[in-house]
Protein backbone atom coordinates (compact mmCIF):
# COMPACT_ATOMS: atom_id res chain seq x y z
CA MET A 1 -25.43 41.99 -5.28
CA THR A 2 -23.86 44.71 -7.41
CA ALA A 3 -23.18 44.29 -11.08
CA ASP A 4 -19.42 43.98 -10.43
CA ALA A 5 -19.99 41.27 -7.84
CA ARG A 6 -22.28 39.36 -10.17
CA GLY A 7 -19.64 39.57 -12.90
CA ARG A 8 -16.91 38.24 -10.62
CA ALA A 9 -19.14 35.34 -9.55
CA ALA A 10 -19.92 34.40 -13.15
CA THR A 11 -16.25 34.51 -14.12
CA ALA A 12 -15.18 32.43 -11.13
CA THR A 13 -17.84 29.81 -11.81
CA ALA A 14 -16.93 29.50 -15.46
CA THR A 15 -13.23 29.06 -14.69
CA GLY A 16 -13.72 26.51 -11.91
CA GLY A 17 -13.04 28.92 -9.06
CA GLY A 18 -16.32 28.16 -7.29
CA ALA A 19 -17.33 29.81 -4.07
CA ALA A 20 -13.74 30.26 -2.91
CA ALA A 21 -13.06 32.49 -5.88
CA VAL A 22 -15.57 35.15 -4.87
CA ALA A 23 -15.06 35.05 -1.14
CA GLY A 24 -12.53 37.88 -0.97
CA PRO A 25 -12.76 41.49 -2.11
CA GLY A 26 -10.87 42.98 -4.99
CA PRO A 27 -10.63 42.24 -8.68
CA VAL A 28 -10.31 38.71 -10.00
CA PRO A 29 -6.83 37.98 -11.46
CA GLY A 30 -6.48 37.34 -15.14
CA ASP A 31 -6.39 33.55 -14.66
CA GLY A 32 -9.79 33.58 -12.91
CA ARG A 33 -8.44 32.65 -9.47
CA ALA A 34 -9.61 34.38 -6.32
CA PRO A 35 -7.07 36.50 -4.42
CA GLY A 36 -5.09 34.26 -2.08
CA TYR A 37 -6.21 31.01 -3.69
CA ARG A 38 -3.39 28.46 -3.75
CA PRO A 39 -4.03 25.06 -5.40
CA ARG A 40 -1.34 23.47 -3.23
CA GLY A 41 -3.15 24.62 -0.13
CA THR A 42 -6.28 22.61 -0.92
CA LEU A 43 -6.94 19.21 0.68
CA PRO A 44 -3.99 19.17 3.13
CA LEU A 45 -2.45 15.76 3.69
CA ARG A 46 -3.14 15.91 7.42
CA VAL A 47 -6.84 16.35 6.75
CA GLU A 48 -6.98 13.42 4.35
CA ALA A 49 -4.88 11.27 6.68
CA ARG A 50 -7.19 12.00 9.61
CA ARG A 51 -10.25 11.11 7.51
CA GLN A 52 -8.76 7.78 6.49
CA LEU A 53 -7.44 6.97 9.96
CA LEU A 54 -10.88 7.27 11.55
CA ARG A 55 -12.60 5.05 9.01
CA ARG A 56 -13.83 1.68 10.21
CA ARG A 57 -11.97 -0.33 7.57
CA THR A 58 -8.66 1.15 8.75
CA LEU A 59 -9.33 0.04 12.31
CA VAL A 60 -10.40 -3.42 11.13
CA VAL A 61 -7.21 -3.85 9.08
CA ALA A 62 -5.08 -2.78 12.04
CA ALA A 63 -6.89 -5.21 14.33
CA VAL A 64 -6.36 -8.12 11.94
CA LEU A 65 -2.65 -7.38 11.58
CA VAL A 66 -2.21 -7.11 15.33
CA LEU A 67 -4.10 -10.33 16.04
CA LEU A 68 -2.32 -12.49 13.45
CA PRO A 69 0.92 -13.01 15.47
CA PHE A 70 -1.13 -14.05 18.52
CA VAL A 71 -3.05 -16.54 16.38
CA LEU A 72 0.19 -18.06 15.09
CA VAL A 73 1.65 -18.32 18.60
CA ALA A 74 -1.50 -20.14 19.68
CA ALA A 75 -1.26 -22.42 16.63
CA PHE A 76 2.34 -23.34 17.47
CA ALA A 77 1.37 -23.95 21.09
CA ILE A 78 -1.39 -26.31 20.02
CA GLY A 79 0.50 -28.03 17.21
CA GLY A 80 3.83 -28.33 18.99
CA ASP A 81 7.34 -27.31 17.99
CA PRO A 82 7.41 -26.89 14.18
CA SER A 83 11.07 -27.93 14.02
CA THR A 84 10.06 -31.49 14.93
CA ARG A 85 7.77 -31.64 11.86
CA SER A 86 10.29 -30.59 9.22
CA GLY A 87 11.21 -33.37 6.86
CA GLY A 88 14.75 -34.70 6.67
CA GLY A 89 16.10 -32.20 9.18
CA ARG A 90 15.85 -29.47 6.55
CA VAL A 91 15.98 -25.97 8.01
CA SER A 92 13.29 -23.56 6.85
CA LEU A 93 11.69 -20.37 8.11
CA MET A 94 8.65 -22.29 9.32
CA ALA A 95 10.74 -24.96 11.04
CA ALA A 96 12.75 -22.33 12.92
CA ALA A 97 9.76 -20.09 13.69
CA THR A 98 10.00 -20.66 17.45
CA ALA A 99 13.78 -20.29 17.67
CA SER A 100 13.62 -16.57 18.52
CA GLY A 101 11.54 -13.45 18.17
CA GLY A 102 13.38 -12.60 14.97
CA ASN A 103 12.62 -15.99 13.44
CA PHE A 104 8.98 -15.64 14.39
CA ALA A 105 8.76 -12.20 12.75
CA ALA A 106 10.38 -13.55 9.56
CA THR A 107 7.90 -16.46 9.53
CA VAL A 108 4.94 -14.10 9.92
CA LEU A 109 6.18 -12.08 6.93
CA PHE A 110 6.64 -15.29 4.93
CA VAL A 111 3.07 -16.50 5.50
CA SER A 112 1.47 -13.08 4.95
CA ALA A 113 3.44 -11.45 2.14
CA GLY A 114 1.81 -13.51 -0.62
CA PHE A 115 -1.79 -12.58 0.13
CA LEU A 116 -2.61 -11.03 3.51
CA LEU A 117 -0.53 -7.91 2.96
CA VAL A 118 -1.99 -7.54 -0.53
CA VAL A 119 -5.45 -6.89 0.95
CA PRO A 120 -4.69 -3.72 2.98
CA VAL A 121 -2.65 -2.29 0.10
CA ALA A 122 -5.49 -2.88 -2.36
CA LEU A 123 -8.00 -1.60 0.17
CA PHE A 124 -6.21 1.64 1.01
CA CYS A 125 -5.35 2.44 -2.62
CA GLY A 126 -8.51 1.12 -4.29
CA ASP A 127 -10.84 2.90 -1.87
CA THR A 128 -9.46 6.36 -2.64
CA ILE A 129 -11.35 7.97 -5.52
CA ALA A 130 -14.05 5.32 -5.94
CA SER A 131 -15.31 5.81 -2.37
CA GLU A 132 -15.74 9.54 -2.94
CA ALA A 133 -17.67 8.79 -6.13
CA SER A 134 -19.89 6.25 -4.35
CA TRP A 135 -20.69 8.85 -1.67
CA SER A 136 -21.49 11.42 -4.40
CA SER A 137 -18.90 13.76 -2.86
CA LEU A 138 -16.26 13.65 -5.60
CA ARG A 139 -17.73 16.46 -7.68
CA TYR A 140 -18.05 18.64 -4.58
CA LEU A 141 -14.40 18.11 -3.76
CA LEU A 142 -13.46 19.22 -7.27
CA ALA A 143 -15.78 22.21 -6.98
CA ALA A 144 -14.23 23.30 -3.66
CA PRO A 145 -12.04 23.77 -5.79
CA VAL A 146 -9.39 21.05 -5.45
CA PRO A 147 -7.37 20.56 -8.66
CA ARG A 148 -7.67 17.04 -10.02
CA ALA A 149 -3.94 16.36 -9.94
CA ARG A 150 -3.78 17.64 -6.36
CA LEU A 151 -6.68 15.41 -5.35
CA LEU A 152 -5.07 12.30 -6.85
CA LEU A 153 -1.66 13.10 -5.38
CA ALA A 154 -3.04 13.64 -1.88
CA LYS A 155 -5.16 10.49 -2.01
CA LEU A 156 -2.31 8.35 -3.36
CA THR A 157 0.24 9.70 -0.89
CA VAL A 158 -1.97 8.99 2.12
CA ALA A 159 -2.88 5.54 0.77
CA LEU A 160 0.79 4.61 0.34
CA VAL A 161 1.63 5.89 3.82
CA PHE A 162 -1.14 3.74 5.33
CA SER A 163 0.02 0.74 3.25
CA ALA A 164 3.58 1.18 4.50
CA ALA A 165 2.30 1.52 8.06
CA ALA A 166 0.44 -1.79 7.71
CA MET A 167 3.60 -3.53 6.54
CA VAL A 168 5.62 -2.09 9.41
CA LEU A 169 2.94 -2.81 12.02
CA LEU A 170 2.76 -6.55 11.32
CA PRO A 171 6.46 -7.43 11.79
CA LEU A 172 6.79 -5.06 14.75
CA VAL A 173 3.94 -6.75 16.58
CA ALA A 174 5.27 -10.16 15.53
CA LEU A 175 8.73 -9.28 16.81
CA GLY A 176 7.33 -8.20 20.16
CA VAL A 177 5.02 -11.18 20.50
CA GLY A 178 7.71 -13.61 19.33
CA THR A 179 10.28 -12.19 21.74
CA ALA A 180 7.83 -12.49 24.62
CA ALA A 181 6.99 -16.07 23.64
CA TYR A 182 10.34 -17.44 22.43
CA GLY A 183 12.97 -15.01 23.67
CA TRP A 184 15.38 -12.56 22.04
CA GLY A 185 18.14 -14.42 20.26
CA PRO A 186 19.98 -14.97 16.99
CA LEU A 187 18.09 -15.35 13.72
CA GLN A 188 18.47 -18.91 12.44
CA LEU A 189 18.96 -18.75 8.66
CA PRO A 190 17.33 -21.23 6.25
CA THR A 191 20.67 -21.67 4.48
CA GLY A 192 22.46 -22.50 7.71
CA GLY A 193 24.18 -20.36 10.31
CA ALA A 194 22.72 -17.53 12.31
CA LEU A 195 22.71 -13.76 12.57
CA SER A 196 23.06 -11.84 15.79
CA ALA A 197 19.95 -10.13 17.09
CA GLY A 198 21.26 -6.71 16.03
CA ASP A 199 22.04 -7.84 12.48
CA ALA A 200 18.71 -9.65 12.29
CA ALA A 201 16.82 -6.41 12.97
CA GLY A 202 18.59 -4.76 10.03
CA ARG A 203 17.86 -7.70 7.73
CA LEU A 204 14.18 -7.68 8.69
CA ALA A 205 14.06 -3.97 7.87
CA VAL A 206 15.41 -4.79 4.39
CA VAL A 207 12.75 -7.48 4.01
CA VAL A 208 9.93 -5.10 4.99
CA GLY A 209 11.26 -2.45 2.61
CA TYR A 210 11.36 -4.88 -0.28
CA VAL A 211 7.89 -6.24 0.47
CA PHE A 212 6.55 -2.68 0.33
CA VAL A 213 8.26 -1.97 -3.00
CA SER A 214 7.02 -5.26 -4.44
CA GLN A 215 3.45 -4.29 -3.50
CA LEU A 216 3.63 -0.99 -5.38
CA VAL A 217 2.25 -2.66 -8.49
CA THR A 218 -0.83 -3.80 -6.55
CA ALA A 219 -1.19 -0.32 -5.06
CA ALA A 220 -0.95 1.35 -8.47
CA LEU A 221 -3.37 -1.14 -10.03
CA ALA A 222 -5.95 -0.55 -7.29
CA PHE A 223 -5.47 3.21 -7.57
CA TRP A 224 -5.96 3.18 -11.34
CA LEU A 225 -9.09 1.04 -11.02
CA SER A 226 -10.38 3.46 -8.40
CA THR A 227 -10.29 6.28 -10.95
CA VAL A 228 -12.27 4.37 -13.57
CA THR A 229 -15.07 2.94 -11.41
CA ASP A 230 -17.52 4.30 -8.85
CA ALA A 231 -17.55 1.00 -6.93
CA PRO A 232 -14.83 0.75 -4.25
CA LEU A 233 -15.24 -3.02 -3.94
CA GLY A 234 -14.76 -3.32 -7.69
CA ALA A 235 -11.41 -1.51 -7.51
CA VAL A 236 -10.24 -3.43 -4.44
CA GLY A 237 -11.48 -6.80 -5.70
CA GLY A 238 -10.08 -6.20 -9.18
CA ALA A 239 -6.62 -5.45 -7.81
CA VAL A 240 -6.65 -8.48 -5.51
CA GLY A 241 -8.02 -10.71 -8.26
CA LEU A 242 -5.42 -9.66 -10.83
CA THR A 243 -2.68 -10.12 -8.24
CA ILE A 244 -3.90 -13.68 -7.67
CA VAL A 245 -3.95 -14.28 -11.42
CA GLY A 246 -0.34 -13.13 -11.56
CA ASN A 247 0.58 -15.59 -8.80
CA VAL A 248 -1.13 -18.41 -10.70
CA LEU A 249 0.63 -17.56 -13.95
CA ASP A 250 3.96 -17.56 -12.17
CA GLN A 251 3.38 -21.22 -11.32
CA VAL A 252 3.06 -22.12 -15.00
CA THR A 253 6.63 -23.22 -15.73
CA ALA A 254 5.81 -23.59 -19.43
CA LEU A 255 5.96 -19.80 -19.69
CA GLY A 256 9.70 -20.00 -19.19
CA GLY A 257 11.43 -16.63 -19.29
CA TRP A 258 8.13 -14.78 -19.65
CA ARG A 259 7.64 -15.23 -15.91
CA ASP A 260 10.47 -12.77 -15.32
CA VAL A 261 8.17 -9.90 -16.32
CA LEU A 262 5.56 -10.92 -13.76
CA PRO A 263 5.79 -9.03 -10.45
CA ALA A 264 4.66 -12.20 -8.66
CA HIS A 265 7.79 -13.98 -9.86
CA TRP A 266 9.91 -11.79 -7.56
CA GLN A 267 7.66 -11.47 -4.53
CA TYR A 268 9.83 -13.76 -2.40
CA ALA A 269 13.16 -12.38 -3.58
CA TRP A 270 13.49 -10.89 -0.08
CA ALA A 271 14.55 -14.35 1.08
CA ASP A 272 17.99 -13.44 -0.35
CA ALA A 273 18.33 -11.02 2.56
CA LEU A 274 18.13 -13.94 5.01
CA GLN A 275 21.51 -15.37 4.06
CA PRO A 276 24.94 -14.97 5.64
CA THR A 277 25.71 -12.48 2.84
CA VAL A 278 22.88 -10.50 1.28
CA GLU A 279 22.28 -11.23 -2.41
CA TRP A 280 20.83 -8.10 -4.01
CA SER A 281 20.38 -9.08 -7.66
CA GLY A 282 16.96 -10.71 -7.28
CA MET A 283 15.60 -7.88 -5.16
CA VAL A 284 16.90 -5.28 -7.61
CA GLN A 285 15.20 -7.05 -10.52
CA GLY A 286 11.96 -7.47 -8.60
CA ALA A 287 11.93 -3.85 -7.48
CA SER A 288 12.59 -2.69 -11.05
CA VAL A 289 9.66 -4.71 -12.42
CA SER A 290 7.29 -3.53 -9.68
CA VAL A 291 8.25 0.15 -9.98
CA ALA A 292 7.99 0.05 -13.78
CA TYR A 293 4.45 -1.35 -13.67
CA ALA A 294 3.49 1.09 -10.91
CA LEU A 295 4.70 4.15 -12.83
CA VAL A 296 2.73 3.15 -15.93
CA LEU A 297 -0.46 2.49 -13.97
CA VAL A 298 -0.22 5.72 -11.97
CA ALA A 299 0.37 7.67 -15.18
CA LEU A 300 -2.75 6.06 -16.67
CA ALA A 301 -4.72 7.03 -13.56
CA PHE A 302 -3.67 10.69 -13.74
CA ARG A 303 -4.18 10.89 -17.50
CA GLY A 304 -7.60 9.23 -17.46
CA PHE A 305 -8.92 11.16 -14.46
CA ALA A 306 -7.84 14.50 -15.95
CA ARG A 307 -10.18 13.84 -18.89
CA LYS A 308 -12.96 12.11 -16.99
CA ASP A 309 -16.44 13.63 -16.84
CA VAL A 310 -17.11 13.52 -13.09
CA VAL A 311 -20.84 13.35 -12.37
CA SER A 312 -20.88 11.64 -8.96
């Protein structure tokens, strides 16, 4: 190696350019970057998405979400028509679950939104940075070199896309299974009346969208924990555990108005979409609380990771 080449290699290493910085000929720019190096070109989203898609935990989550509607259909077949078990003739989502495919899909969302859908969100977002650290590959990613902000943004984007896909997959499968089992018909509303099948599809889309937004706080919490620990299960379990704590605190009526600042207090505000006329106020408040918490937690993740001494 010539003296000029050795000098370029030393400069690139000191400035974080790594091997990519000395791969091409020519002088090193004043900022220490190799010719042609583009930070935005590192770690393409399609590469990260393919890595996450082929992981075993992604396939397991998809299998569980696909199987759940079949399990509920079998439960209704064994237990009988749920409408005959509702007290006092009161109409509810569970009582009308077998009225149509739309009702069945709404019931599946009702029984899964409080906990089941929390798990894939926490898993996809909490297993981002911590898994790389546990595999001792995080420092090599940063030495590739992938800028830290770029790494976090790519990981978070893919995790949110997979979380949204999980929330869309469940009601789609439930709608198909419910239609095959109970037919395609109007959506019976808990407040009385019914919506046509076409209107019901639009309302269910609103419900799924709100459920995703309400889970952003869990996603951001898991993502932040993933940047401060090298244990993926710690990040995932911490996010799920704190979400459960929030649900418990929301049941403490003695807290009064303080419950309004808990994301769990608004997790079922989507029920306002299953009325003859959609009531938006509760969903707007719930979305505002969730997004506010999520922005703070994501900012903490980026700020803390930018200063973190990565050794794993």
